[in-house]
Full PDB file with SEQRES, HELIX, SHEET, SSBOND, CRYST1, ORIGX, SCALE, CONECT and MASTER records, all heavy atoms in Angstrom:
SEQRES   1 A   33  GLN ILE CYS PRO ILE ARG ALA VAL GLY PRO LEU PHE ASN          
SEQRES   2 A   33  ASN PRO LEU LEU GLU THR SER SER GLY ILE SER GLY ASP          
SEQRES   3 A   33  LEU ILE LYS ALA ASP ASP CYS                                  
HELIX    1 AA1 LEU A   11  ASN A   13  5                                   3    
HELIX    2 AA2 PRO A   15  LEU A   17  5                                   3    
CRYST1    1.000    1.000    1.000  90.00  90.00  90.00 P 1           1          
ORIGX1      1.000000  0.000000  0.000000        0.00000                         
ORIGX2      0.000000  1.000000  0.000000        0.00000                         
ORIGX3      0.000000  0.000000  1.000000        0.00000                         
SCALE1      1.000000  0.000000  0.000000        0.00000                         
SCALE2      0.000000  1.000000  0.000000        0.00000                         
SCALE3      0.000000  0.000000  1.000000        0.00000                         
ATOM      1  N   GLN A   1     -20.169  27.629 -28.334  1.00  0.00           N  
ATOM      2  CA  GLN A   1     -20.710  28.038 -29.627  1.00  0.00           C  
ATOM      3  C   GLN A   1     -19.807  27.596 -30.773  1.00  0.00           C  
ATOM      4  O   GLN A   1     -20.234  27.514 -31.927  1.00  0.00           O  
ATOM      5  CB  GLN A   1     -20.865  29.561 -29.672  1.00  0.00           C  
ATOM      6  CG  GLN A   1     -21.775  30.135 -28.594  1.00  0.00           C  
ATOM      7  CD  GLN A   1     -21.772  31.660 -28.604  1.00  0.00           C  
ATOM      8  OE1 GLN A   1     -22.168  32.294 -29.585  1.00  0.00           O  
ATOM      9  NE2 GLN A   1     -21.306  32.259 -27.517  1.00  0.00           N  
ATOM     10  N   ILE A   2     -18.551  27.310 -30.449  1.00  0.00           N  
ATOM     11  CA  ILE A   2     -17.571  26.889 -31.458  1.00  0.00           C  
ATOM     12  C   ILE A   2     -17.532  25.373 -31.582  1.00  0.00           C  
ATOM     13  O   ILE A   2     -17.485  24.823 -32.675  1.00  0.00           O  
ATOM     14  CB  ILE A   2     -16.182  27.446 -31.083  1.00  0.00           C  
ATOM     15  CG1 ILE A   2     -16.225  28.975 -31.123  1.00  0.00           C  
ATOM     16  CG2 ILE A   2     -15.108  26.897 -32.006  1.00  0.00           C  
ATOM     17  CD1 ILE A   2     -15.019  29.641 -30.519  1.00  0.00           C  
ATOM     18  N   CYS A   3     -17.556  24.685 -30.438  1.00  0.00           N  
ATOM     19  CA  CYS A   3     -17.610  23.224 -30.428  1.00  0.00           C  
ATOM     20  C   CYS A   3     -18.296  22.790 -29.136  1.00  0.00           C  
ATOM     21  O   CYS A   3     -18.163  23.466 -28.108  1.00  0.00           O  
ATOM     22  CB  CYS A   3     -16.213  22.610 -30.530  1.00  0.00           C  
ATOM     23  SG  CYS A   3     -15.138  23.038 -29.153  1.00  0.00           S  
ATOM     24  N   PRO A   4     -19.035  21.685 -29.153  1.00  0.00           N  
ATOM     25  CA  PRO A   4     -19.735  21.233 -27.942  1.00  0.00           C  
ATOM     26  C   PRO A   4     -18.739  20.930 -26.824  1.00  0.00           C  
ATOM     27  O   PRO A   4     -17.776  20.191 -27.024  1.00  0.00           O  
ATOM     28  CB  PRO A   4     -20.458  19.968 -28.402  1.00  0.00           C  
ATOM     29  CG  PRO A   4     -20.551  20.088 -29.884  1.00  0.00           C  
ATOM     30  CD  PRO A   4     -19.314  20.821 -30.307  1.00  0.00           C  
ATOM     31  N   ILE A   5     -18.951  21.526 -25.651  1.00  0.00           N  
ATOM     32  CA  ILE A   5     -18.081  21.326 -24.500  1.00  0.00           C  
ATOM     33  C   ILE A   5     -18.896  20.782 -23.338  1.00  0.00           C  
ATOM     34  O   ILE A   5     -19.988  21.282 -23.053  1.00  0.00           O  
ATOM     35  CB  ILE A   5     -17.385  22.646 -24.086  1.00  0.00           C  
ATOM     36  CG1 ILE A   5     -16.394  23.097 -25.163  1.00  0.00           C  
ATOM     37  CG2 ILE A   5     -16.661  22.487 -22.751  1.00  0.00           C  
ATOM     38  CD1 ILE A   5     -15.768  24.453 -24.890  1.00  0.00           C  
ATOM     39  N   ARG A   6     -18.359  19.781 -22.681  1.00  0.00           N  
ATOM     40  CA  ARG A   6     -18.989  19.241 -21.475  1.00  0.00           C  
ATOM     41  C   ARG A   6     -17.973  19.314 -20.341  1.00  0.00           C  
ATOM     42  O   ARG A   6     -16.935  18.648 -20.382  1.00  0.00           O  
ATOM     43  CB  ARG A   6     -19.422  17.781 -21.705  1.00  0.00           C  
ATOM     44  CG  ARG A   6     -20.023  17.110 -20.485  1.00  0.00           C  
ATOM     45  CD  ARG A   6     -21.384  17.679 -20.138  1.00  0.00           C  
ATOM     46  NE  ARG A   6     -21.934  17.058 -18.944  1.00  0.00           N  
ATOM     47  CZ  ARG A   6     -22.670  15.942 -18.940  1.00  0.00           C  
ATOM     48  NH1 ARG A   6     -22.922  15.332 -20.095  1.00  0.00           N  
ATOM     49  NH2 ARG A   6     -23.143  15.449 -17.821  1.00  0.00           N  
ATOM     50  N   ALA A   7     -18.254  20.147 -19.349  1.00  0.00           N  
ATOM     51  CA  ALA A   7     -17.369  20.246 -18.197  1.00  0.00           C  
ATOM     52  C   ALA A   7     -17.550  19.019 -17.313  1.00  0.00           C  
ATOM     53  O   ALA A   7     -18.656  18.717 -16.866  1.00  0.00           O  
ATOM     54  CB  ALA A   7     -17.681  21.516 -17.410  1.00  0.00           C  
ATOM     55  N   VAL A   8     -16.459  18.283 -17.061  1.00  0.00           N  
ATOM     56  CA  VAL A   8     -16.532  17.041 -16.273  1.00  0.00           C  
ATOM     57  C   VAL A   8     -15.661  17.111 -15.023  1.00  0.00           C  
ATOM     58  O   VAL A   8     -15.479  16.115 -14.338  1.00  0.00           O  
ATOM     59  CB  VAL A   8     -16.124  15.821 -17.134  1.00  0.00           C  
ATOM     60  CG1 VAL A   8     -17.104  15.614 -18.272  1.00  0.00           C  
ATOM     61  CG2 VAL A   8     -14.704  15.986 -17.675  1.00  0.00           C  
ATOM     62  N   GLY A   9     -15.116  18.291 -14.732  1.00  0.00           N  
ATOM     63  CA  GLY A   9     -14.215  18.407 -13.588  1.00  0.00           C  
ATOM     64  C   GLY A   9     -14.919  18.871 -12.327  1.00  0.00           C  
ATOM     65  O   GLY A   9     -16.121  19.153 -12.354  1.00  0.00           O  
ATOM     66  N   PRO A  10     -14.170  18.975 -11.239  1.00  0.00           N  
ATOM     67  CA  PRO A  10     -12.763  18.549 -11.164  1.00  0.00           C  
ATOM     68  C   PRO A  10     -12.656  17.036 -10.997  1.00  0.00           C  
ATOM     69  O   PRO A  10     -13.291  16.450 -10.117  1.00  0.00           O  
ATOM     70  CB  PRO A  10     -12.240  19.285  -9.929  1.00  0.00           C  
ATOM     71  CG  PRO A  10     -13.464  19.466  -9.060  1.00  0.00           C  
ATOM     72  CD  PRO A  10     -14.624  19.630 -10.002  1.00  0.00           C  
ATOM     73  N   LEU A  11     -11.855  16.410 -11.847  1.00  0.00           N  
ATOM     74  CA  LEU A  11     -11.727  14.957 -11.828  1.00  0.00           C  
ATOM     75  C   LEU A  11     -10.861  14.461 -10.670  1.00  0.00           C  
ATOM     76  O   LEU A  11     -10.963  13.305 -10.277  1.00  0.00           O  
ATOM     77  CB  LEU A  11     -11.112  14.461 -13.148  1.00  0.00           C  
ATOM     78  CG  LEU A  11     -12.006  14.612 -14.387  1.00  0.00           C  
ATOM     79  CD1 LEU A  11     -11.213  14.310 -15.648  1.00  0.00           C  
ATOM     80  CD2 LEU A  11     -13.219  13.688 -14.292  1.00  0.00           C  
ATOM     81  N   PHE A  12     -10.022  15.340 -10.112  1.00  0.00           N  
ATOM     82  CA  PHE A  12      -9.066  14.890  -9.096  1.00  0.00           C  
ATOM     83  C   PHE A  12      -9.705  14.666  -7.732  1.00  0.00           C  
ATOM     84  O   PHE A  12      -9.109  14.061  -6.857  1.00  0.00           O  
ATOM     85  CB  PHE A  12      -7.927  15.901  -8.944  1.00  0.00           C  
ATOM     86  CG  PHE A  12      -8.310  17.146  -8.190  1.00  0.00           C  
ATOM     87  CD1 PHE A  12      -8.097  17.224  -6.825  1.00  0.00           C  
ATOM     88  CD2 PHE A  12      -8.877  18.225  -8.845  1.00  0.00           C  
ATOM     89  CE1 PHE A  12      -8.452  18.369  -6.126  1.00  0.00           C  
ATOM     90  CE2 PHE A  12      -9.228  19.372  -8.151  1.00  0.00           C  
ATOM     91  CZ  PHE A  12      -9.013  19.440  -6.785  1.00  0.00           C  
ATOM     92  N   ASN A  13     -10.923  15.154  -7.520  1.00  0.00           N  
ATOM     93  CA  ASN A  13     -11.492  15.108  -6.178  1.00  0.00           C  
ATOM     94  C   ASN A  13     -12.940  14.636  -6.225  1.00  0.00           C  
ATOM     95  O   ASN A  13     -13.839  15.282  -5.699  1.00  0.00           O  
ATOM     96  CB  ASN A  13     -11.412  16.495  -5.527  1.00  0.00           C  
ATOM     97  CG  ASN A  13     -11.733  16.475  -4.043  1.00  0.00           C  
ATOM     98  OD1 ASN A  13     -11.532  15.458  -3.387  1.00  0.00           O  
ATOM     99  ND2 ASN A  13     -12.238  17.585  -3.523  1.00  0.00           N  
ATOM    100  N   ASN A  14     -13.166  13.502  -6.871  1.00  0.00           N  
ATOM    101  CA  ASN A  14     -14.522  12.972  -7.011  1.00  0.00           C  
ATOM    102  C   ASN A  14     -14.711  11.789  -6.076  1.00  0.00           C  
ATOM    103  O   ASN A  14     -14.015  10.780  -6.194  1.00  0.00           O  
ATOM    104  CB  ASN A  14     -14.768  12.549  -8.461  1.00  0.00           C  
ATOM    105  CG  ASN A  14     -16.237  12.307  -8.745  1.00  0.00           C  
ATOM    106  OD1 ASN A  14     -16.920  11.628  -7.990  1.00  0.00           O  
ATOM    107  ND2 ASN A  14     -16.726  12.861  -9.840  1.00  0.00           N  
ATOM    108  N   PRO A  15     -15.654  11.866  -5.132  1.00  0.00           N  
ATOM    109  CA  PRO A  15     -15.834  10.772  -4.162  1.00  0.00           C  
ATOM    110  C   PRO A  15     -16.230   9.451  -4.810  1.00  0.00           C  
ATOM    111  O   PRO A  15     -16.007   8.385  -4.231  1.00  0.00           O  
ATOM    112  CB  PRO A  15     -16.953  11.297  -3.242  1.00  0.00           C  
ATOM    113  CG  PRO A  15     -17.636  12.381  -4.027  1.00  0.00           C  
ATOM    114  CD  PRO A  15     -16.577  12.986  -4.886  1.00  0.00           C  
ATOM    115  N   LEU A  16     -16.802   9.499  -6.009  1.00  0.00           N  
ATOM    116  CA  LEU A  16     -17.174   8.260  -6.690  1.00  0.00           C  
ATOM    117  C   LEU A  16     -15.958   7.408  -7.037  1.00  0.00           C  
ATOM    118  O   LEU A  16     -16.066   6.199  -7.228  1.00  0.00           O  
ATOM    119  CB  LEU A  16     -17.950   8.572  -7.979  1.00  0.00           C  
ATOM    120  CG  LEU A  16     -19.379   9.096  -7.825  1.00  0.00           C  
ATOM    121  CD1 LEU A  16     -19.926   9.518  -9.181  1.00  0.00           C  
ATOM    122  CD2 LEU A  16     -20.272   8.039  -7.192  1.00  0.00           C  
ATOM    123  N   LEU A  17     -14.783   8.041  -7.118  1.00  0.00           N  
ATOM    124  CA  LEU A  17     -13.580   7.330  -7.547  1.00  0.00           C  
ATOM    125  C   LEU A  17     -12.804   6.734  -6.383  1.00  0.00           C  
ATOM    126  O   LEU A  17     -11.872   5.963  -6.591  1.00  0.00           O  
ATOM    127  CB  LEU A  17     -12.675   8.272  -8.341  1.00  0.00           C  
ATOM    128  CG  LEU A  17     -13.336   9.030  -9.500  1.00  0.00           C  
ATOM    129  CD1 LEU A  17     -12.317   9.873 -10.228  1.00  0.00           C  
ATOM    130  CD2 LEU A  17     -14.019   8.067 -10.453  1.00  0.00           C  
ATOM    131  N   GLU A  18     -13.172   7.093  -5.170  1.00  0.00           N  
ATOM    132  CA  GLU A  18     -12.406   6.640  -4.011  1.00  0.00           C  
ATOM    133  C   GLU A  18     -12.552   5.143  -3.782  1.00  0.00           C  
ATOM    134  O   GLU A  18     -11.715   4.507  -3.161  1.00  0.00           O  
ATOM    135  CB  GLU A  18     -12.844   7.404  -2.755  1.00  0.00           C  
ATOM    136  CG  GLU A  18     -12.604   8.904  -2.834  1.00  0.00           C  
ATOM    137  CD  GLU A  18     -11.148   9.236  -3.082  1.00  0.00           C  
ATOM    138  OE1 GLU A  18     -10.271   8.576  -2.488  1.00  0.00           O  
ATOM    139  OE2 GLU A  18     -10.878  10.155  -3.877  1.00  0.00           O  
ATOM    140  N   THR A  19     -13.647   4.557  -4.298  1.00  0.00           N  
ATOM    141  CA  THR A  19     -13.880   3.129  -4.081  1.00  0.00           C  
ATOM    142  C   THR A  19     -13.094   2.253  -5.045  1.00  0.00           C  
ATOM    143  O   THR A  19     -13.069   1.040  -4.892  1.00  0.00           O  
ATOM    144  CB  THR A  19     -15.377   2.806  -4.236  1.00  0.00           C  
ATOM    145  OG1 THR A  19     -15.819   3.216  -5.542  1.00  0.00           O  
ATOM    146  CG2 THR A  19     -16.196   3.552  -3.184  1.00  0.00           C  
ATOM    147  N   SER A  20     -12.456   2.854  -6.047  1.00  0.00           N  
ATOM    148  CA  SER A  20     -11.722   2.081  -7.053  1.00  0.00           C  
ATOM    149  C   SER A  20     -10.316   1.778  -6.543  1.00  0.00           C  
ATOM    150  O   SER A  20      -9.312   2.196  -7.106  1.00  0.00           O  
ATOM    151  CB  SER A  20     -11.664   2.857  -8.370  1.00  0.00           C  
ATOM    152  OG  SER A  20     -12.946   3.261  -8.777  1.00  0.00           O  
ATOM    153  N   SER A  21     -10.249   1.044  -5.459  1.00  0.00           N  
ATOM    154  CA  SER A  21      -8.962   0.765  -4.830  1.00  0.00           C  
ATOM    155  C   SER A  21      -8.077  -0.070  -5.741  1.00  0.00           C  
ATOM    156  O   SER A  21      -8.535  -1.002  -6.391  1.00  0.00           O  
ATOM    157  CB  SER A  21      -9.177   0.028  -3.505  1.00  0.00           C  
ATOM    158  OG  SER A  21      -9.877  -1.176  -3.713  1.00  0.00           O  
ATOM    159  N   GLY A  22      -6.805   0.296  -5.798  1.00  0.00           N  
ATOM    160  CA  GLY A  22      -5.839  -0.462  -6.595  1.00  0.00           C  
ATOM    161  C   GLY A  22      -5.751  -0.011  -8.031  1.00  0.00           C  
ATOM    162  O   GLY A  22      -4.778  -0.302  -8.713  1.00  0.00           O  
ATOM    163  N   ILE A  23      -6.762   0.702  -8.544  1.00  0.00           N  
ATOM    164  CA  ILE A  23      -6.743   1.174  -9.928  1.00  0.00           C  
ATOM    165  C   ILE A  23      -6.110   2.549  -9.935  1.00  0.00           C  
ATOM    166  O   ILE A  23      -6.731   3.545  -9.599  1.00  0.00           O  
ATOM    167  CB  ILE A  23      -8.159   1.219 -10.527  1.00  0.00           C  
ATOM    168  CG1 ILE A  23      -8.810  -0.163 -10.469  1.00  0.00           C  
ATOM    169  CG2 ILE A  23      -8.105   1.710 -11.976  1.00  0.00           C  
ATOM    170  CD1 ILE A  23     -10.241  -0.183 -10.967  1.00  0.00           C  
ATOM    171  N   SER A  24      -4.851   2.582 -10.299  1.00  0.00           N  
ATOM    172  CA  SER A  24      -4.081   3.819 -10.211  1.00  0.00           C  
ATOM    173  C   SER A  24      -3.253   4.013 -11.473  1.00  0.00           C  
ATOM    174  O   SER A  24      -2.857   3.046 -12.126  1.00  0.00           O  
ATOM    175  CB  SER A  24      -3.162   3.769  -8.983  1.00  0.00           C  
ATOM    176  OG  SER A  24      -2.174   4.761  -9.032  1.00  0.00           O  
ATOM    177  N   GLY A  25      -3.000   5.282 -11.793  1.00  0.00           N  
ATOM    178  CA  GLY A  25      -2.162   5.584 -12.948  1.00  0.00           C  
ATOM    179  C   GLY A  25      -0.740   5.930 -12.566  1.00  0.00           C  
ATOM    180  O   GLY A  25       0.027   6.406 -13.405  1.00  0.00           O  
ATOM    181  N   ASP A  26      -0.360   5.677 -11.315  1.00  0.00           N  
ATOM    182  CA  ASP A  26       0.984   6.026 -10.859  1.00  0.00           C  
ATOM    183  C   ASP A  26       2.044   5.257 -11.647  1.00  0.00           C  
ATOM    184  O   ASP A  26       1.939   4.038 -11.820  1.00  0.00           O  
ATOM    185  CB  ASP A  26       1.152   5.724  -9.374  1.00  0.00           C  
ATOM    186  CG  ASP A  26       0.339   6.670  -8.501  1.00  0.00           C  
ATOM    187  OD1 ASP A  26      -0.110   7.699  -9.017  1.00  0.00           O  
ATOM    188  OD2 ASP A  26       0.155   6.367  -7.309  1.00  0.00           O  
ATOM    189  N   LEU A  27       3.077   5.971 -12.077  1.00  0.00           N  
ATOM    190  CA  LEU A  27       4.192   5.351 -12.783  1.00  0.00           C  
ATOM    191  C   LEU A  27       5.362   5.061 -11.854  1.00  0.00           C  
ATOM    192  O   LEU A  27       6.280   4.336 -12.216  1.00  0.00           O  
ATOM    193  CB  LEU A  27       4.665   6.257 -13.935  1.00  0.00           C  
ATOM    194  CG  LEU A  27       3.602   6.639 -14.970  1.00  0.00           C  
ATOM    195  CD1 LEU A  27       4.221   7.487 -16.067  1.00  0.00           C  
ATOM    196  CD2 LEU A  27       2.934   5.401 -15.543  1.00  0.00           C  
ATOM    197  N   ILE A  28       5.316   5.639 -10.673  1.00  0.00           N  
ATOM    198  CA  ILE A  28       6.350   5.419  -9.663  1.00  0.00           C  
ATOM    199  C   ILE A  28       5.670   5.100  -8.343  1.00  0.00           C  
ATOM    200  O   ILE A  28       4.733   5.793  -7.942  1.00  0.00           O  
ATOM    201  CB  ILE A  28       7.251   6.660  -9.491  1.00  0.00           C  
ATOM    202  CG1 ILE A  28       7.944   6.999 -10.805  1.00  0.00           C  
ATOM    203  CG2 ILE A  28       8.294   6.435  -8.399  1.00  0.00           C  
ATOM    204  CD1 ILE A  28       8.729   8.292 -10.762  1.00  0.00           C  
ATOM    205  N   LYS A  29       6.119   4.065  -7.669  1.00  0.00           N  
ATOM    206  CA  LYS A  29       5.536   3.692  -6.386  1.00  0.00           C  
ATOM    207  C   LYS A  29       5.809   4.788  -5.362  1.00  0.00           C  
ATOM    208  O   LYS A  29       6.945   5.161  -5.114  1.00  0.00           O  
ATOM    209  CB  LYS A  29       6.104   2.359  -5.903  1.00  0.00           C  
ATOM    210  CG  LYS A  29       5.423   1.793  -4.686  1.00  0.00           C  
ATOM    211  CD  LYS A  29       5.980   0.407  -4.362  1.00  0.00           C  
ATOM    212  CE  LYS A  29       5.279  -0.191  -3.147  1.00  0.00           C  
ATOM    213  NZ  LYS A  29       5.537   0.576  -1.925  1.00  0.00           N  
ATOM    214  N   ALA A  30       4.752   5.305  -4.761  1.00  0.00           N  
ATOM    215  CA  ALA A  30       4.894   6.443  -3.859  1.00  0.00           C  
ATOM    216  C   ALA A  30       4.735   6.072  -2.388  1.00  0.00           C  
ATOM    217  O   ALA A  30       4.888   6.923  -1.521  1.00  0.00           O  
ATOM    218  CB  ALA A  30       3.858   7.514  -4.212  1.00  0.00           C  
ATOM    219  N   ASP A  31       4.443   4.813  -2.095  1.00  0.00           N  
ATOM    220  CA  ASP A  31       4.154   4.408  -0.715  1.00  0.00           C  
ATOM    221  C   ASP A  31       5.328   4.640   0.229  1.00  0.00           C  
ATOM    222  O   ASP A  31       5.142   4.827   1.425  1.00  0.00           O  
ATOM    223  CB  ASP A  31       3.762   2.927  -0.667  1.00  0.00           C  
ATOM    224  CG  ASP A  31       2.442   2.667  -1.387  1.00  0.00           C  
ATOM    225  OD1 ASP A  31       1.732   3.654  -1.655  1.00  0.00           O  
ATOM    226  OD2 ASP A  31       2.142   1.514  -1.675  1.00  0.00           O  
ATOM    227  N   ASP A  32       6.551   4.622  -0.296  1.00  0.00           N  
ATOM    228  CA  ASP A  32       7.724   4.684   0.564  1.00  0.00           C  
ATOM    229  C   ASP A  32       7.820   5.981   1.366  1.00  0.00           C  
ATOM    230  O   ASP A  32       8.491   6.027   2.389  1.00  0.00           O  
ATOM    231  CB  ASP A  32       8.997   4.520  -0.279  1.00  0.00           C  
ATOM    232  CG  ASP A  32       9.069   3.152  -0.945  1.00  0.00           C  
ATOM    233  OD1 ASP A  32       8.389   2.228  -0.461  1.00  0.00           O  
ATOM    234  OD2 ASP A  32       9.783   3.031  -1.942  1.00  0.00           O  
ATOM    235  N   CYS A  33       7.170   7.041   0.921  1.00  0.00           N  
ATOM    236  CA  CYS A  33       7.283   8.324   1.612  1.00  0.00           C  
ATOM    237  C   CYS A  33       6.135   8.584   2.575  1.00  0.00           C  
ATOM    238  O   CYS A  33       6.144   9.588   3.293  1.00  0.00           O  
ATOM    239  CB  CYS A  33       7.372   9.469   0.613  1.00  0.00           C  
ATOM    240  SG  CYS A  33       5.846   9.736  -0.313  1.00  0.00           S  
TER     241      CYS A  33                                                      
MASTER        0    0    0    2    0    0    0    6  240    1    0    3          
END                                                                             
């Protein structure tokens, strides 16, 4: 009622994003662990 809100979450667990291989926002390489 104060401002238009669109709930788009949870963004962390969306199966549509699993196919985007290689597109990552990681700032540190995590593969070593």
